[in-house]
Amino acid sequence: MRYYRRRGQLDIVQKGLQDLVSEADREVETLIRTRLAALCPDDGFVGEEHPPSDPKAGGGHWVIDPIDGTWCFLNGIASWCISIAWCRDGSIDTGVIYDPCTEELFTARRGGGAFLNGEAIRVADAADLTAGTVSVGYSMRSTSDEIVPVIEKLLRQGGIYHRHGSGALGLAWTAAGRLIGYVEPHMNSWDCLAGLLLVEEAGGFVCDFLADDGLVNGGRIIAGPKPLENALEGLFAA
């Protein structure tokens, strides 16, 4: 929060169109990596701000986004978080998302359920797209031809949408039942792995993100309550 309070004084670099990184992103990721490396020396790392490293035999990958929602962070919008996941052999085992602005800590372990500040959470009890709000994420990696039809189909079916500014928080809110789904044409692994496990452990469905080299290259995200699987997938149908 120290960085957030003095965000106007941070050194900022523009990596691409609508894609910023600050000294806060870099320093927070360095801190997380250093602490985890000391605890788990056999593990590798995948993160937004540093080159990846491979695990030793038997190790897994820590997948880190030090500030998911950097644009919101730098503009004083309280829609950003820290996202950390641990995966091995194509399976996400642990996911943690922390929202410093609300002090909400979302946690999940495979087979152990999903929790918000220690209390169990469940996805929404929704049977169709009119039952709540779907978070539709997008970035400059996606074209308007990819995202506009998704929003149009959702609206034509009586749904409404919300753009969070932080895909990780959108997935965490889906796991907590605040949203009835999250979709995005393309996300990077550090943005979504923790959130995907949260949704799954909260009783929802998620796409098989890691099946097609998603850890390195990213991919499409679809997640929500199980009764909405076909409807949410249909938003991307040609």
C-alpha atoms as a PDB file:
ATOM      1  CA  MET A   1       0.000   0.000   0.000  1.00  0.00           C
ATOM      2  CA  ARG A   2       2.990   2.298   0.459  1.00  0.00           C
ATOM      3  CA  TYR A   3       3.510   2.263  -3.308  1.00  0.00           C
ATOM      4  CA  TYR A   4      -0.207   2.832  -3.927  1.00  0.00           C
ATOM      5  CA  ARG A   5      -0.305   5.877  -1.665  1.00  0.00           C
ATOM      6  CA  ARG A   6       2.655   7.459  -3.465  1.00  0.00           C
ATOM      7  CA  ARG A   7       1.775   6.190  -6.949  1.00  0.00           C
ATOM      8  CA  GLY A   8       2.250   9.648  -8.450  1.00  0.00           C
ATOM      9  CA  GLN A   9       5.965   9.456  -7.624  1.00  0.00           C
ATOM     10  CA  LEU A  10       6.684   6.023  -9.114  1.00  0.00           C
ATOM     11  CA  ASP A  11       8.922   5.386 -12.108  1.00  0.00           C
ATOM     12  CA  ILE A  12       6.677   4.072 -14.899  1.00  0.00           C
ATOM     13  CA  VAL A  13       7.616   2.393 -18.178  1.00  0.00           C
ATOM     14  CA  GLN A  14       5.210   1.838 -21.066  1.00  0.00           C
ATOM     15  CA  LYS A  15       5.728  -1.726 -22.358  1.00  0.00           C
ATOM     16  CA  GLY A  16       3.112  -1.371 -25.080  1.00  0.00           C
ATOM     17  CA  LEU A  17      -0.243   0.203 -25.903  1.00  0.00           C
ATOM     18  CA  GLN A  18      -2.261   0.452 -22.651  1.00  0.00           C
ATOM     19  CA  ASP A  19       0.441  -1.691 -20.983  1.00  0.00           C
ATOM     20  CA  LEU A  20       2.355  -0.066 -18.138  1.00  0.00           C
ATOM     21  CA  VAL A  21       4.816  -1.312 -15.540  1.00  0.00           C
ATOM     22  CA  SER A  22       6.022   0.567 -12.476  1.00  0.00           C
ATOM     23  CA  GLU A  23       8.852   0.136 -10.014  1.00  0.00           C
ATOM     24  CA  ALA A  24       6.209  -1.240  -7.638  1.00  0.00           C
ATOM     25  CA  ASP A  25       5.481  -4.161  -9.996  1.00  0.00           C
ATOM     26  CA  ARG A  26       9.148  -5.042 -10.305  1.00  0.00           C
ATOM     27  CA  GLU A  27      10.058  -4.670  -6.640  1.00  0.00           C
ATOM     28  CA  VAL A  28       7.025  -6.572  -5.339  1.00  0.00           C
ATOM     29  CA  GLU A  29       7.689  -9.476  -7.717  1.00  0.00           C
ATOM     30  CA  THR A  30      11.352  -9.530  -6.676  1.00  0.00           C
ATOM     31  CA  LEU A  31      10.345  -9.660  -3.007  1.00  0.00           C
ATOM     32  CA  ILE A  32       7.852 -12.503  -3.577  1.00  0.00           C
ATOM     33  CA  ARG A  33      10.360 -14.499  -5.633  1.00  0.00           C
ATOM     34  CA  THR A  34      13.099 -14.054  -3.041  1.00  0.00           C
ATOM     35  CA  ARG A  35      10.893 -15.204  -0.166  1.00  0.00           C
ATOM     36  CA  LEU A  36       9.505 -18.204  -2.062  1.00  0.00           C
ATOM     37  CA  ALA A  37      12.923 -19.241  -3.395  1.00  0.00           C
ATOM     38  CA  ALA A  38      14.227 -19.391   0.166  1.00  0.00           C
ATOM     39  CA  LEU A  39      11.314 -21.607   1.213  1.00  0.00           C
ATOM     40  CA  CYS A  40      11.091 -23.726  -1.960  1.00  0.00           C
ATOM     41  CA  PRO A  41      14.559 -23.876  -3.569  1.00  0.00           C
ATOM     42  CA  ASP A  42      13.599 -26.627  -6.058  1.00  0.00           C
ATOM     43  CA  ASP A  43      10.800 -24.613  -7.665  1.00  0.00           C
ATOM     44  CA  GLY A  44      10.896 -22.409 -10.751  1.00  0.00           C
ATOM     45  CA  PHE A  45       9.109 -19.144 -11.434  1.00  0.00           C
ATOM     46  CA  VAL A  46       6.893 -17.607 -14.088  1.00  0.00           C
ATOM     47  CA  GLY A  47       6.011 -13.952 -13.610  1.00  0.00           C
ATOM     48  CA  GLU A  48       5.005 -10.848 -15.473  1.00  0.00           C
ATOM     49  CA  GLU A  49       8.057  -8.717 -14.780  1.00  0.00           C
ATOM     50  CA  HIS A  50      11.006 -11.160 -14.739  1.00  0.00           C
ATOM     51  CA  PRO A  51      12.267 -13.939 -17.044  1.00  0.00           C
ATOM     52  CA  PRO A  52      10.988 -17.443 -16.205  1.00  0.00           C
ATOM     53  CA  SER A  53      13.131 -20.047 -14.479  1.00  0.00           C
ATOM     54  CA  ASP A  54      12.814 -23.840 -14.616  1.00  0.00           C
ATOM     55  CA  PRO A  55      12.272 -26.021 -11.544  1.00  0.00           C
ATOM     56  CA  LYS A  56      14.632 -28.759 -10.440  1.00  0.00           C
ATOM     57  CA  ALA A  57      13.522 -32.392 -10.661  1.00  0.00           C
ATOM     58  CA  GLY A  58      10.312 -32.825  -8.701  1.00  0.00           C
ATOM     59  CA  GLY A  59       9.708 -29.109  -8.352  1.00  0.00           C
ATOM     60  CA  GLY A  60       6.874 -26.985  -9.624  1.00  0.00           C
ATOM     61  CA  HIS A  61       6.330 -23.441 -10.857  1.00  0.00           C
ATOM     62  CA  TRP A  62       5.307 -20.431  -8.822  1.00  0.00           C
ATOM     63  CA  VAL A  63       3.282 -18.183 -11.120  1.00  0.00           C
ATOM     64  CA  ILE A  64       3.207 -14.586  -9.933  1.00  0.00           C
ATOM     65  CA  ASP A  65       1.544 -11.330 -10.849  1.00  0.00           C
ATOM     66  CA  PRO A  66       2.780  -8.754  -8.323  1.00  0.00           C
ATOM     67  CA  ILE A  67       0.117  -6.219  -9.324  1.00  0.00           C
ATOM     68  CA  ASP A  68      -2.701  -7.469 -11.525  1.00  0.00           C
ATOM     69  CA  GLY A  69      -4.459  -4.335 -12.650  1.00  0.00           C
ATOM     70  CA  THR A  70      -1.464  -2.005 -12.913  1.00  0.00           C
ATOM     71  CA  TRP A  71      -3.463   0.589 -14.868  1.00  0.00           C
ATOM     72  CA  CYS A  72      -6.019   0.773 -12.039  1.00  0.00           C
ATOM     73  CA  PHE A  73      -3.244   0.825  -9.441  1.00  0.00           C
ATOM     74  CA  LEU A  74      -1.486   3.769 -11.083  1.00  0.00           C
ATOM     75  CA  ASN A  75      -4.708   5.741 -11.537  1.00  0.00           C
ATOM     76  CA  GLY A  76      -6.025   5.336  -8.008  1.00  0.00           C
ATOM     77  CA  ILE A  77      -8.778   2.854  -8.875  1.00  0.00           C
ATOM     78  CA  ALA A  78      -9.164   0.221  -6.155  1.00  0.00           C
ATOM     79  CA  SER A  79      -9.358  -2.728  -8.551  1.00  0.00           C
ATOM     80  CA  TRP A  80      -5.982  -4.461  -8.397  1.00  0.00           C
ATOM     81  CA  CYS A  81      -4.493  -7.357  -6.491  1.00  0.00           C
ATOM     82  CA  ILE A  82      -1.583  -9.730  -5.975  1.00  0.00           C
ATOM     83  CA  SER A  83      -1.974 -13.171  -7.558  1.00  0.00           C
ATOM     84  CA  ILE A  84       0.186 -16.213  -6.766  1.00  0.00           C
ATOM     85  CA  ALA A  85      -0.307 -19.809  -7.901  1.00  0.00           C
ATOM     86  CA  TRP A  86       1.717 -22.999  -7.682  1.00  0.00           C
ATOM     87  CA  CYS A  87       1.425 -25.642 -10.371  1.00  0.00           C
ATOM     88  CA  ARG A  88       3.160 -28.863 -11.349  1.00  0.00           C
ATOM     89  CA  ASP A  89       2.683 -31.422 -14.125  1.00  0.00           C
ATOM     90  CA  GLY A  90      -0.104 -29.451 -15.781  1.00  0.00           C
ATOM     91  CA  SER A  91      -2.185 -29.055 -12.620  1.00  0.00           C
ATOM     92  CA  ILE A  92      -2.750 -26.002 -10.423  1.00  0.00           C
ATOM     93  CA  ASP A  93      -2.315 -27.011  -6.776  1.00  0.00           C
ATOM     94  CA  THR A  94      -2.423 -23.737  -4.846  1.00  0.00           C
ATOM     95  CA  GLY A  95      -3.904 -20.312  -5.527  1.00  0.00           C
ATOM     96  CA  VAL A  96      -3.823 -17.076  -3.538  1.00  0.00           C
ATOM     97  CA  ILE A  97      -5.277 -13.699  -4.489  1.00  0.00           C
ATOM     98  CA  TYR A  98      -4.941 -10.760  -2.116  1.00  0.00           C
ATOM     99  CA  ASP A  99      -6.769  -7.450  -2.476  1.00  0.00           C
ATOM    100  CA  PRO A 100      -4.862  -4.946  -0.303  1.00  0.00           C
ATOM    101  CA  CYS A 101      -7.541  -2.265  -0.697  1.00  0.00           C
ATOM    102  CA  THR A 102     -10.232  -4.404   0.969  1.00  0.00           C
ATOM    103  CA  GLU A 103      -7.922  -6.761   2.883  1.00  0.00           C
ATOM    104  CA  GLU A 104      -9.671  -9.709   1.244  1.00  0.00           C
ATOM    105  CA  LEU A 105      -7.560 -12.852   0.979  1.00  0.00           C
ATOM    106  CA  PHE A 106      -8.840 -15.555  -1.392  1.00  0.00           C
ATOM    107  CA  THR A 107      -7.157 -18.955  -1.006  1.00  0.00           C
ATOM    108  CA  ALA A 108      -7.538 -22.416  -2.497  1.00  0.00           C
ATOM    109  CA  ARG A 109      -5.790 -25.777  -2.413  1.00  0.00           C
ATOM    110  CA  ARG A 110      -6.705 -28.534  -4.859  1.00  0.00           C
ATOM    111  CA  GLY A 111      -9.216 -30.780  -3.165  1.00  0.00           C
ATOM    112  CA  GLY A 112      -9.410 -28.504  -0.143  1.00  0.00           C
ATOM    113  CA  GLY A 113     -12.028 -25.938  -1.142  1.00  0.00           C
ATOM    114  CA  ALA A 114     -11.908 -22.181  -1.679  1.00  0.00           C
ATOM    115  CA  PHE A 115     -11.962 -19.546   1.035  1.00  0.00           C
ATOM    116  CA  LEU A 116     -12.265 -15.803   1.593  1.00  0.00           C
ATOM    117  CA  ASN A 117     -10.558 -14.685   4.799  1.00  0.00           C
ATOM    118  CA  GLY A 118     -10.945 -18.226   6.107  1.00  0.00           C
ATOM    119  CA  GLU A 119     -14.648 -18.616   5.267  1.00  0.00           C
ATOM    120  CA  ALA A 120     -15.701 -21.110   2.591  1.00  0.00           C
ATOM    121  CA  ILE A 121     -17.013 -19.614  -0.654  1.00  0.00           C
ATOM    122  CA  ARG A 122     -19.147 -21.015  -3.487  1.00  0.00           C
ATOM    123  CA  VAL A 123     -19.916 -19.927  -7.023  1.00  0.00           C
ATOM    124  CA  ALA A 124     -23.303 -18.346  -7.699  1.00  0.00           C
ATOM    125  CA  ASP A 125     -26.438 -20.459  -7.975  1.00  0.00           C
ATOM    126  CA  ALA A 126     -27.157 -19.314 -11.530  1.00  0.00           C
ATOM    127  CA  ALA A 127     -28.994 -21.218 -14.256  1.00  0.00           C
ATOM    128  CA  ASP A 128     -28.889 -18.689 -17.093  1.00  0.00           C
ATOM    129  CA  LEU A 129     -27.135 -15.497 -18.152  1.00  0.00           C
ATOM    130  CA  THR A 130     -29.926 -13.271 -16.815  1.00  0.00           C
ATOM    131  CA  ALA A 131     -29.180 -14.354 -13.239  1.00  0.00           C
ATOM    132  CA  GLY A 132     -26.346 -11.914 -12.620  1.00  0.00           C
ATOM    133  CA  THR A 133     -23.309 -10.152 -14.037  1.00  0.00           C
ATOM    134  CA  VAL A 134     -20.611 -11.661 -16.238  1.00  0.00           C
ATOM    135  CA  SER A 135     -17.145 -10.137 -16.110  1.00  0.00           C
ATOM    136  CA  VAL A 136     -15.761  -9.702 -19.627  1.00  0.00           C
ATOM    137  CA  GLY A 137     -12.040  -9.089 -19.669  1.00  0.00           C
ATOM    138  CA  TYR A 138      -9.913  -7.902 -22.536  1.00  0.00           C
ATOM    139  CA  SER A 139      -6.546  -6.378 -23.212  1.00  0.00           C
ATOM    140  CA  MET A 140      -4.619  -5.084 -26.185  1.00  0.00           C
ATOM    141  CA  ARG A 141      -3.707  -8.706 -26.962  1.00  0.00           C
ATOM    142  CA  SER A 142      -7.316  -9.076 -28.149  1.00  0.00           C
ATOM    143  CA  THR A 143      -8.866  -7.325 -31.124  1.00  0.00           C
ATOM    144  CA  SER A 144     -12.239  -5.607 -31.223  1.00  0.00           C
ATOM    145  CA  ASP A 145     -13.355  -8.351 -33.618  1.00  0.00           C
ATOM    146  CA  GLU A 146     -12.791 -10.850 -30.805  1.00  0.00           C
ATOM    147  CA  ILE A 147     -14.397  -8.968 -27.925  1.00  0.00           C
ATOM    148  CA  VAL A 148     -17.329  -7.042 -29.430  1.00  0.00           C
ATOM    149  CA  PRO A 149     -19.230 -10.186 -30.543  1.00  0.00           C
ATOM    150  CA  VAL A 150     -18.868 -11.645 -27.028  1.00  0.00           C
ATOM    151  CA  ILE A 151     -20.456  -8.580 -25.439  1.00  0.00           C
ATOM    152  CA  GLU A 152     -23.150  -8.397 -28.124  1.00  0.00           C
ATOM    153  CA  LYS A 153     -24.156 -12.051 -27.616  1.00  0.00           C
ATOM    154  CA  LEU A 154     -24.291 -11.566 -23.864  1.00  0.00           C
ATOM    155  CA  LEU A 155     -26.523  -8.501 -24.143  1.00  0.00           C
ATOM    156  CA  ARG A 156     -28.826 -10.157 -26.680  1.00  0.00           C
ATOM    157  CA  GLN A 157     -29.413 -12.973 -24.187  1.00  0.00           C
ATOM    158  CA  GLY A 158     -30.454 -10.541 -21.472  1.00  0.00           C
ATOM    159  CA  GLY A 159     -27.147 -10.571 -19.649  1.00  0.00           C
ATOM    160  CA  ILE A 160     -25.107  -7.674 -18.340  1.00  0.00           C
ATOM    161  CA  TYR A 161     -21.339  -7.336 -18.180  1.00  0.00           C
ATOM    162  CA  HIS A 162     -18.664  -5.770 -16.047  1.00  0.00           C
ATOM    163  CA  ARG A 163     -14.997  -5.083 -16.760  1.00  0.00           C
ATOM    164  CA  HIS A 164     -12.938  -5.325 -13.619  1.00  0.00           C
ATOM    165  CA  GLY A 165      -9.544  -4.008 -14.682  1.00  0.00           C
ATOM    166  CA  SER A 166      -8.035  -7.007 -12.892  1.00  0.00           C
ATOM    167  CA  GLY A 167      -8.744 -10.420 -14.355  1.00  0.00           C
ATOM    168  CA  ALA A 168      -7.534 -12.138 -11.191  1.00  0.00           C
ATOM    169  CA  LEU A 169     -10.070 -10.230  -9.101  1.00  0.00           C
ATOM    170  CA  GLY A 170     -12.784 -10.994 -11.652  1.00  0.00           C
ATOM    171  CA  LEU A 171     -12.106 -14.703 -11.209  1.00  0.00           C
ATOM    172  CA  ALA A 172     -11.951 -14.371  -7.410  1.00  0.00           C
ATOM    173  CA  TRP A 173     -15.313 -12.606  -7.412  1.00  0.00           C
ATOM    174  CA  THR A 174     -16.712 -15.363  -9.622  1.00  0.00           C
ATOM    175  CA  ALA A 175     -15.520 -17.930  -7.084  1.00  0.00           C
ATOM    176  CA  ALA A 176     -17.198 -15.924  -4.312  1.00  0.00           C
ATOM    177  CA  GLY A 177     -20.525 -15.801  -6.174  1.00  0.00           C
ATOM    178  CA  ARG A 178     -20.463 -12.045  -6.751  1.00  0.00           C
ATOM    179  CA  LEU A 179     -20.269 -12.595 -10.510  1.00  0.00           C
ATOM    180  CA  ILE A 180     -21.835 -15.434 -12.501  1.00  0.00           C
ATOM    181  CA  GLY A 181     -18.902 -15.895 -14.822  1.00  0.00           C
ATOM    182  CA  TYR A 182     -15.647 -14.639 -16.229  1.00  0.00           C
ATOM    183  CA  VAL A 183     -14.628 -14.735 -19.900  1.00  0.00           C
ATOM    184  CA  GLU A 184     -11.653 -13.297 -21.773  1.00  0.00           C
ATOM    185  CA  PRO A 185     -10.227 -14.045 -25.235  1.00  0.00           C
ATOM    186  CA  HIS A 186      -6.662 -14.231 -23.914  1.00  0.00           C
ATOM    187  CA  MET A 187      -5.008 -14.095 -20.504  1.00  0.00           C
ATOM    188  CA  ASN A 188      -1.477 -14.791 -19.374  1.00  0.00           C
ATOM    189  CA  SER A 189      -0.906 -17.519 -16.811  1.00  0.00           C
ATOM    190  CA  TRP A 190       0.174 -15.117 -14.073  1.00  0.00           C
ATOM    191  CA  ASP A 191      -3.140 -13.286 -14.387  1.00  0.00           C
ATOM    192  CA  CYS A 192      -5.424 -16.294 -14.078  1.00  0.00           C
ATOM    193  CA  LEU A 193      -4.033 -19.514 -12.572  1.00  0.00           C
ATOM    194  CA  ALA A 194      -4.846 -18.660  -8.952  1.00  0.00           C
ATOM    195  CA  GLY A 195      -8.315 -17.485  -9.943  1.00  0.00           C
ATOM    196  CA  LEU A 196      -9.033 -20.591 -12.005  1.00  0.00           C
ATOM    197  CA  LEU A 197      -8.285 -22.834  -9.033  1.00  0.00           C
ATOM    198  CA  LEU A 198     -10.477 -20.663  -6.813  1.00  0.00           C
ATOM    199  CA  VAL A 199     -13.446 -21.050  -9.172  1.00  0.00           C
ATOM    200  CA  GLU A 200     -12.909 -24.793  -9.513  1.00  0.00           C
ATOM    201  CA  GLU A 201     -12.602 -25.344  -5.761  1.00  0.00           C
ATOM    202  CA  ALA A 202     -15.677 -23.154  -5.199  1.00  0.00           C
ATOM    203  CA  GLY A 203     -17.722 -25.648  -7.223  1.00  0.00           C
ATOM    204  CA  GLY A 204     -17.506 -24.057 -10.647  1.00  0.00           C
ATOM    205  CA  PHE A 205     -16.161 -25.106 -14.026  1.00  0.00           C
ATOM    206  CA  VAL A 206     -13.051 -23.746 -15.713  1.00  0.00           C
ATOM    207  CA  CYS A 207     -11.480 -24.188 -19.122  1.00  0.00           C
ATOM    208  CA  ASP A 208      -8.423 -26.437 -19.418  1.00  0.00           C
ATOM    209  CA  PHE A 209      -6.045 -23.500 -19.598  1.00  0.00           C
ATOM    210  CA  LEU A 210      -2.797 -25.430 -19.143  1.00  0.00           C
ATOM    211  CA  ALA A 211      -3.567 -28.062 -21.802  1.00  0.00           C
ATOM    212  CA  ASP A 212      -2.169 -26.075 -24.746  1.00  0.00           C
ATOM    213  CA  ASP A 213       1.000 -24.605 -23.238  1.00  0.00           C
ATOM    214  CA  GLY A 214      -1.004 -21.957 -21.412  1.00  0.00           C
ATOM    215  CA  LEU A 215       1.688 -21.586 -18.762  1.00  0.00           C
ATOM    216  CA  VAL A 216       3.983 -19.937 -21.304  1.00  0.00           C
ATOM    217  CA  ASN A 217       1.701 -18.643 -24.051  1.00  0.00           C
ATOM    218  CA  GLY A 218      -1.573 -17.935 -22.252  1.00  0.00           C
ATOM    219  CA  GLY A 219      -4.986 -18.613 -23.714  1.00  0.00           C
ATOM    220  CA  ARG A 220      -8.751 -18.140 -23.572  1.00  0.00           C
ATOM    221  CA  ILE A 221     -10.512 -18.057 -20.211  1.00  0.00           C
ATOM    222  CA  ILE A 222     -14.038 -19.268 -19.486  1.00  0.00           C
ATOM    223  CA  ALA A 223     -15.131 -19.898 -15.895  1.00  0.00           C
ATOM    224  CA  GLY A 224     -18.321 -19.898 -13.871  1.00  0.00           C
ATOM    225  CA  PRO A 225     -21.065 -22.025 -12.309  1.00  0.00           C
ATOM    226  CA  LYS A 226     -21.429 -25.446 -13.928  1.00  0.00           C
ATOM    227  CA  PRO A 227     -25.007 -24.846 -15.206  1.00  0.00           C
ATOM    228  CA  LEU A 228     -23.676 -21.904 -17.271  1.00  0.00           C
ATOM    229  CA  GLU A 229     -20.830 -23.762 -18.969  1.00  0.00           C
ATOM    230  CA  ASN A 230     -22.543 -24.083 -22.360  1.00  0.00           C
ATOM    231  CA  ALA A 231     -23.919 -20.534 -22.254  1.00  0.00           C
ATOM    232  CA  LEU A 232     -20.558 -18.970 -21.406  1.00  0.00           C
ATOM    233  CA  GLU A 233     -18.712 -21.061 -23.989  1.00  0.00           C
ATOM    234  CA  GLY A 234     -21.357 -20.054 -26.522  1.00  0.00           C
ATOM    235  CA  LEU A 235     -20.333 -16.415 -26.197  1.00  0.00           C
ATOM    236  CA  PHE A 236     -17.230 -17.315 -28.215  1.00  0.00           C
ATOM    237  CA  ALA A 237     -19.050 -19.440 -30.815  1.00  0.00           C
ATOM    238  CA  ALA A 238     -18.689 -18.304 -34.423  1.00  0.00           C
END
